[in-house]
PDB file of N, CA and C in Angstrom:
ATOM      1  N   MET A   1     -18.220  -5.017  -8.588  1.00  0.00           N
ATOM      2  CA  MET A   1     -17.471  -5.381  -7.416  1.00  0.00           C
ATOM      3  C   MET A   1     -18.398  -5.288  -6.209  1.00  0.00           C
ATOM      4  N   PRO A   2     -18.483  -6.368  -5.404  1.00  0.00           N
ATOM      5  CA  PRO A   2     -19.339  -6.303  -4.193  1.00  0.00           C
ATOM      6  C   PRO A   2     -18.859  -5.365  -3.114  1.00  0.00           C
ATOM      7  N   GLN A   3     -19.764  -4.748  -2.442  1.00  0.00           N
ATOM      8  CA  GLN A   3     -19.392  -3.819  -1.416  1.00  0.00           C
ATOM      9  C   GLN A   3     -18.943  -4.639  -0.150  1.00  0.00           C
ATOM     10  N   LEU A   4     -18.047  -4.030   0.616  1.00  0.00           N
ATOM     11  CA  LEU A   4     -17.575  -4.629   1.854  1.00  0.00           C
ATOM     12  C   LEU A   4     -18.610  -4.522   2.922  1.00  0.00           C
ATOM     13  N   THR A   5     -18.636  -5.529   3.791  1.00  0.00           N
ATOM     14  CA  THR A   5     -19.520  -5.477   4.949  1.00  0.00           C
ATOM     15  C   THR A   5     -18.874  -4.568   6.001  1.00  0.00           C
ATOM     16  N   ARG A   6     -19.713  -4.205   6.992  1.00  0.00           N
ATOM     17  CA  ARG A   6     -19.169  -3.365   8.080  1.00  0.00           C
ATOM     18  C   ARG A   6     -18.033  -4.092   8.821  1.00  0.00           C
ATOM     19  N   LYS A   7     -18.139  -5.433   8.970  1.00  0.00           N
ATOM     20  CA  LYS A   7     -17.120  -6.223   9.629  1.00  0.00           C
ATOM     21  C   LYS A   7     -15.807  -6.193   8.863  1.00  0.00           C
ATOM     22  N   GLN A   8     -15.932  -6.256   7.528  1.00  0.00           N
ATOM     23  CA  GLN A   8     -14.689  -6.200   6.684  1.00  0.00           C
ATOM     24  C   GLN A   8     -14.064  -4.822   6.694  1.00  0.00           C
ATOM     25  N   ILE A   9     -14.871  -3.788   6.698  1.00  0.00           N
ATOM     26  CA  ILE A   9     -14.349  -2.442   6.807  1.00  0.00           C
ATOM     27  C   ILE A   9     -13.632  -2.200   8.145  1.00  0.00           C
ATOM     28  N   ASN A  10     -14.240  -2.680   9.209  1.00  0.00           N
ATOM     29  CA  ASN A  10     -13.655  -2.596  10.562  1.00  0.00           C
ATOM     30  C   ASN A  10     -12.285  -3.327  10.566  1.00  0.00           C
ATOM     31  N   ARG A  11     -12.232  -4.467   9.938  1.00  0.00           N
ATOM     32  CA  ARG A  11     -10.991  -5.250   9.876  1.00  0.00           C
ATOM     33  C   ARG A  11      -9.924  -4.463   9.203  1.00  0.00           C
ATOM     34  N   GLN A  12     -10.270  -3.853   8.016  1.00  0.00           N
ATOM     35  CA  GLN A  12      -9.333  -3.073   7.278  1.00  0.00           C
ATOM     36  C   GLN A  12      -8.781  -1.897   8.076  1.00  0.00           C
ATOM     37  N   ASP A  13      -9.728  -1.230   8.729  1.00  0.00           N
ATOM     38  CA  ASP A  13      -9.323  -0.107   9.584  1.00  0.00           C
ATOM     39  C   ASP A  13      -8.398  -0.531  10.730  1.00  0.00           C
ATOM     40  N   PHE A  14      -8.770  -1.659  11.355  1.00  0.00           N
ATOM     41  CA  PHE A  14      -7.941  -2.160  12.412  1.00  0.00           C
ATOM     42  C   PHE A  14      -6.525  -2.477  11.951  1.00  0.00           C
ATOM     43  N   VAL A  15      -6.394  -3.187  10.844  1.00  0.00           N
ATOM     44  CA  VAL A  15      -5.077  -3.576  10.301  1.00  0.00           C
ATOM     45  C   VAL A  15      -4.253  -2.298   9.957  1.00  0.00           C
ATOM     46  N   ASP A  16      -4.878  -1.362   9.283  1.00  0.00           N
ATOM     47  CA  ASP A  16      -4.159  -0.172   8.841  1.00  0.00           C
ATOM     48  C   ASP A  16      -3.744   0.647  10.052  1.00  0.00           C
ATOM     49  N   ASN A  17      -4.613   0.771  11.008  1.00  0.00           N
ATOM     50  CA  ASN A  17      -4.249   1.542  12.211  1.00  0.00           C
ATOM     51  C   ASN A  17      -3.082   0.867  13.033  1.00  0.00           C
ATOM     52  N   GLU A  18      -3.150  -0.463  13.130  1.00  0.00           N
ATOM     53  CA  GLU A  18      -2.145  -1.164  13.867  1.00  0.00           C
ATOM     54  C   GLU A  18      -0.774  -1.012  13.167  1.00  0.00           C
ATOM     55  N   ILE A  19      -0.753  -1.083  11.839  1.00  0.00           N
ATOM     56  CA  ILE A  19       0.458  -0.937  11.121  1.00  0.00           C
ATOM     57  C   ILE A  19       1.043   0.497  11.242  1.00  0.00           C
ATOM     58  N   PHE A  20       0.165   1.490  11.152  1.00  0.00           N
ATOM     59  CA  PHE A  20       0.596   2.869  11.348  1.00  0.00           C
ATOM     60  C   PHE A  20       1.198   3.043  12.707  1.00  0.00           C
ATOM     61  N   GLU A  21       0.545   2.559  13.761  1.00  0.00           N
ATOM     62  CA  GLU A  21       1.048   2.705  15.143  1.00  0.00           C
ATOM     63  C   GLU A  21       2.355   1.953  15.282  1.00  0.00           C
ATOM     64  N   LEU A  22       2.493   0.839  14.672  1.00  0.00           N
ATOM     65  CA  LEU A  22       3.766   0.004  14.734  1.00  0.00           C
ATOM     66  C   LEU A  22       4.893   0.873  14.115  1.00  0.00           C
ATOM     67  N   ILE A  23       4.656   1.440  12.986  1.00  0.00           N
ATOM     68  CA  ILE A  23       5.693   2.266  12.326  1.00  0.00           C
ATOM     69  C   ILE A  23       6.064   3.447  13.226  1.00  0.00           C
ATOM     70  N   GLN A  24       5.060   4.041  13.825  1.00  0.00           N
ATOM     71  CA  GLN A  24       5.315   5.193  14.725  1.00  0.00           C
ATOM     72  C   GLN A  24       6.162   4.807  15.922  1.00  0.00           C
ATOM     73  N   ARG A  25       5.847   3.593  16.472  1.00  0.00           N
ATOM     74  CA  ARG A  25       6.617   3.057  17.656  1.00  0.00           C
ATOM     75  C   ARG A  25       8.056   2.690  17.235  1.00  0.00           C
ATOM     76  N   LEU A  26       8.206   2.124  16.052  1.00  0.00           N
ATOM     77  CA  LEU A  26       9.506   1.754  15.602  1.00  0.00           C
ATOM     78  C   LEU A  26      10.429   2.963  15.275  1.00  0.00           C
ATOM     79  N   VAL A  27       9.833   4.071  14.850  1.00  0.00           N
ATOM     80  CA  VAL A  27      10.591   5.237  14.505  1.00  0.00           C
ATOM     81  C   VAL A  27       9.928   6.425  15.179  1.00  0.00           C
ATOM     82  N   PRO A  28      10.080   6.496  16.519  1.00  0.00           N
ATOM     83  CA  PRO A  28       9.330   7.540  17.247  1.00  0.00           C
ATOM     84  C   PRO A  28       9.817   8.945  16.931  1.00  0.00           C
ATOM     85  N   THR A  29      10.984   9.113  16.424  1.00  0.00           N
ATOM     86  CA  THR A  29      11.488  10.471  16.129  1.00  0.00           C
ATOM     87  C   THR A  29      10.960  11.041  14.830  1.00  0.00           C
ATOM     88  N   ALA A  30      10.420  10.146  13.978  1.00  0.00           N
ATOM     89  CA  ALA A  30       9.875  10.563  12.692  1.00  0.00           C
ATOM     90  C   ALA A  30       8.474  11.112  12.877  1.00  0.00           C
ATOM     91  N   LYS A  31       8.241  12.197  12.274  1.00  0.00           N
ATOM     92  CA  LYS A  31       6.916  12.817  12.318  1.00  0.00           C
ATOM     93  C   LYS A  31       6.152  12.428  11.064  1.00  0.00           C
ATOM     94  N   LEU A  32       5.649  11.234  11.090  1.00  0.00           N
ATOM     95  CA  LEU A  32       5.008  10.703   9.897  1.00  0.00           C
ATOM     96  C   LEU A  32       3.508  11.058   9.862  1.00  0.00           C
ATOM     97  N   LYS A  33       3.049  11.368   8.733  1.00  0.00           N
ATOM     98  CA  LYS A  33       1.597  11.570   8.468  1.00  0.00           C
ATOM     99  C   LYS A  33       1.082  10.283   7.955  1.00  0.00           C
ATOM    100  N   TRP A  34      -0.269  10.129   8.143  1.00  0.00           N
ATOM    101  CA  TRP A  34      -0.903   8.989   7.585  1.00  0.00           C
ATOM    102  C   TRP A  34      -0.673   8.864   6.097  1.00  0.00           C
ATOM    103  N   ASP A  35      -0.124   7.732   5.701  1.00  0.00           N
ATOM    104  CA  ASP A  35       0.215   7.540   4.217  1.00  0.00           C
ATOM    105  C   ASP A  35      -0.218   6.068   3.914  1.00  0.00           C
ATOM    106  N   ILE A  36      -1.382   5.979   3.258  1.00  0.00           N
ATOM    107  CA  ILE A  36      -1.927   4.678   2.930  1.00  0.00           C
ATOM    108  C   ILE A  36      -0.979   3.877   2.001  1.00  0.00           C
ATOM    109  N   GLU A  37      -0.255   4.552   1.131  1.00  0.00           N
ATOM    110  CA  GLU A  37       0.695   3.821   0.337  1.00  0.00           C
ATOM    111  C   GLU A  37       1.794   3.117   1.120  1.00  0.00           C
ATOM    112  N   MET A  38       2.377   3.833   2.088  1.00  0.00           N
ATOM    113  CA  MET A  38       3.343   3.324   2.961  1.00  0.00           C
ATOM    114  C   MET A  38       2.726   2.185   3.811  1.00  0.00           C
ATOM    115  N   ILE A  39       1.549   2.382   4.295  1.00  0.00           N
ATOM    116  CA  ILE A  39       0.856   1.371   5.094  1.00  0.00           C
ATOM    117  C   ILE A  39       0.559   0.097   4.221  1.00  0.00           C
ATOM    118  N   ALA A  40       0.153   0.310   3.018  1.00  0.00           N
ATOM    119  CA  ALA A  40      -0.174  -0.810   2.141  1.00  0.00           C
ATOM    120  C   ALA A  40       1.123  -1.622   1.825  1.00  0.00           C
ATOM    121  N   ASN A  41       2.199  -0.923   1.649  1.00  0.00           N
ATOM    122  CA  ASN A  41       3.539  -1.635   1.374  1.00  0.00           C
ATOM    123  C   ASN A  41       3.877  -2.512   2.557  1.00  0.00           C
ATOM    124  N   VAL A  42       3.747  -1.959   3.754  1.00  0.00           N
ATOM    125  CA  VAL A  42       4.037  -2.749   4.939  1.00  0.00           C
ATOM    126  C   VAL A  42       3.050  -3.881   5.090  1.00  0.00           C
ATOM    127  N   ARG A  43       1.771  -3.591   4.929  1.00  0.00           N
ATOM    128  CA  ARG A  43       0.726  -4.611   5.011  1.00  0.00           C
ATOM    129  C   ARG A  43       1.028  -5.781   4.040  1.00  0.00           C
ATOM    130  N   ASP A  44       1.329  -5.470   2.825  1.00  0.00           N
ATOM    131  CA  ASP A  44       1.634  -6.467   1.826  1.00  0.00           C
ATOM    132  C   ASP A  44       2.821  -7.374   2.250  1.00  0.00           C
ATOM    133  N   SER A  45       3.849  -6.735   2.815  1.00  0.00           N
ATOM    134  CA  SER A  45       5.031  -7.447   3.264  1.00  0.00           C
ATOM    135  C   SER A  45       4.702  -8.360   4.454  1.00  0.00           C
ATOM    136  N   ILE A  46       3.942  -7.826   5.353  1.00  0.00           N
ATOM    137  CA  ILE A  46       3.558  -8.628   6.547  1.00  0.00           C
ATOM    138  C   ILE A  46       2.726  -9.839   6.045  1.00  0.00           C
ATOM    139  N   PHE A  47       1.774  -9.630   5.180  1.00  0.00           N
ATOM    140  CA  PHE A  47       0.964 -10.718   4.711  1.00  0.00           C
ATOM    141  C   PHE A  47       1.824 -11.793   4.007  1.00  0.00           C
ATOM    142  N   SER A  48       2.747 -11.313   3.236  1.00  0.00           N
ATOM    143  CA  SER A  48       3.649 -12.269   2.512  1.00  0.00           C
ATOM    144  C   SER A  48       4.462 -13.175   3.485  1.00  0.00           C
ATOM    145  N   VAL A  49       4.975 -12.562   4.460  1.00  0.00           N
ATOM    146  CA  VAL A  49       5.771 -13.356   5.427  1.00  0.00           C
ATOM    147  C   VAL A  49       4.858 -14.268   6.272  1.00  0.00           C
ATOM    148  N   VAL A  50       3.790 -13.675   6.791  1.00  0.00           N
ATOM    149  CA  VAL A  50       2.934 -14.441   7.780  1.00  0.00           C
ATOM    150  C   VAL A  50       2.196 -15.545   7.009  1.00  0.00           C
ATOM    151  N   SER A  51       1.695 -15.263   5.836  1.00  0.00           N
ATOM    152  CA  SER A  51       0.914 -16.275   5.056  1.00  0.00           C
ATOM    153  C   SER A  51       1.797 -17.463   4.696  1.00  0.00           C
ATOM    154  N   SER A  52       3.119 -17.236   4.572  1.00  0.00           N
ATOM    155  CA  SER A  52       3.984 -18.434   4.240  1.00  0.00           C
ATOM    156  C   SER A  52       4.209 -19.317   5.473  1.00  0.00           C
ATOM    157  N   LYS A  53       3.873 -18.784   6.673  1.00  0.00           N
ATOM    158  CA  LYS A  53       4.037 -19.539   7.887  1.00  0.00           C
ATOM    159  C   LYS A  53       2.723 -20.079   8.474  1.00  0.00           C
ATOM    160  N   VAL A  54       1.657 -19.419   8.185  1.00  0.00           N
ATOM    161  CA  VAL A  54       0.347 -19.772   8.781  1.00  0.00           C
ATOM    162  C   VAL A  54      -0.514 -20.396   7.699  1.00  0.00           C
ATOM    163  N   ARG A  55      -0.737 -21.680   7.907  1.00  0.00           N
ATOM    164  CA  ARG A  55      -1.569 -22.414   6.961  1.00  0.00           C
ATOM    165  C   ARG A  55      -2.974 -21.826   6.822  1.00  0.00           C
ATOM    166  N   LYS A  56      -3.477 -21.780   5.632  1.00  0.00           N
ATOM    167  CA  LYS A  56      -4.843 -21.379   5.334  1.00  0.00           C
ATOM    168  C   LYS A  56      -5.193 -19.925   5.718  1.00  0.00           C
ATOM    169  N   LEU A  57      -4.119 -19.133   5.815  1.00  0.00           N
ATOM    170  CA  LEU A  57      -4.405 -17.705   5.989  1.00  0.00           C
ATOM    171  C   LEU A  57      -4.567 -17.080   4.584  1.00  0.00           C
ATOM    172  N   SER A  58      -5.762 -16.695   4.329  1.00  0.00           N
ATOM    173  CA  SER A  58      -6.034 -16.055   3.001  1.00  0.00           C
ATOM    174  C   SER A  58      -5.870 -14.535   3.196  1.00  0.00           C
ATOM    175  N   GLU A  59      -5.649 -13.964   2.010  1.00  0.00           N
ATOM    176  CA  GLU A  59      -5.591 -12.492   2.033  1.00  0.00           C
ATOM    177  C   GLU A  59      -6.961 -11.911   2.397  1.00  0.00           C
ATOM    178  N   ARG A  60      -7.961 -12.560   2.021  1.00  0.00           N
ATOM    179  CA  ARG A  60      -9.331 -12.116   2.321  1.00  0.00           C
ATOM    180  C   ARG A  60      -9.552 -12.102   3.852  1.00  0.00           C
ATOM    181  N   ASN A  61      -9.006 -13.066   4.572  1.00  0.00           N
ATOM    182  CA  ASN A  61      -9.178 -13.102   6.013  1.00  0.00           C
ATOM    183  C   ASN A  61      -8.186 -12.073   6.676  1.00  0.00           C
ATOM    184  N   PHE A  62      -7.079 -11.902   6.055  1.00  0.00           N
ATOM    185  CA  PHE A  62      -6.104 -10.892   6.694  1.00  0.00           C
ATOM    186  C   PHE A  62      -6.497  -9.477   6.461  1.00  0.00           C
ATOM    187  N   TYR A  63      -6.938  -9.176   5.286  1.00  0.00           N
ATOM    188  CA  TYR A  63      -7.265  -7.855   4.870  1.00  0.00           C
ATOM    189  C   TYR A  63      -8.355  -7.876   3.762  1.00  0.00           C
ATOM    190  N   PRO A  64      -9.577  -7.943   4.141  1.00  0.00           N
ATOM    191  CA  PRO A  64     -10.652  -8.136   3.141  1.00  0.00           C
ATOM    192  C   PRO A  64     -10.721  -7.003   2.142  1.00  0.00           C
TER     193      PRO A  64
END
């Protein structure tokens, strides 16, 4: 399996951080810890909805 580039890693970090911040803003009373499984579930759902509306959005571009 090829290694990710620094740009790809930065993109993954950006997406994961934005999703976690969104969850925290949506549920400010919850004291949530970083949970990559929860973040991944939300990320997959977002990609599924957005990719059905945005032509040529690949999973690799969204989250390498």
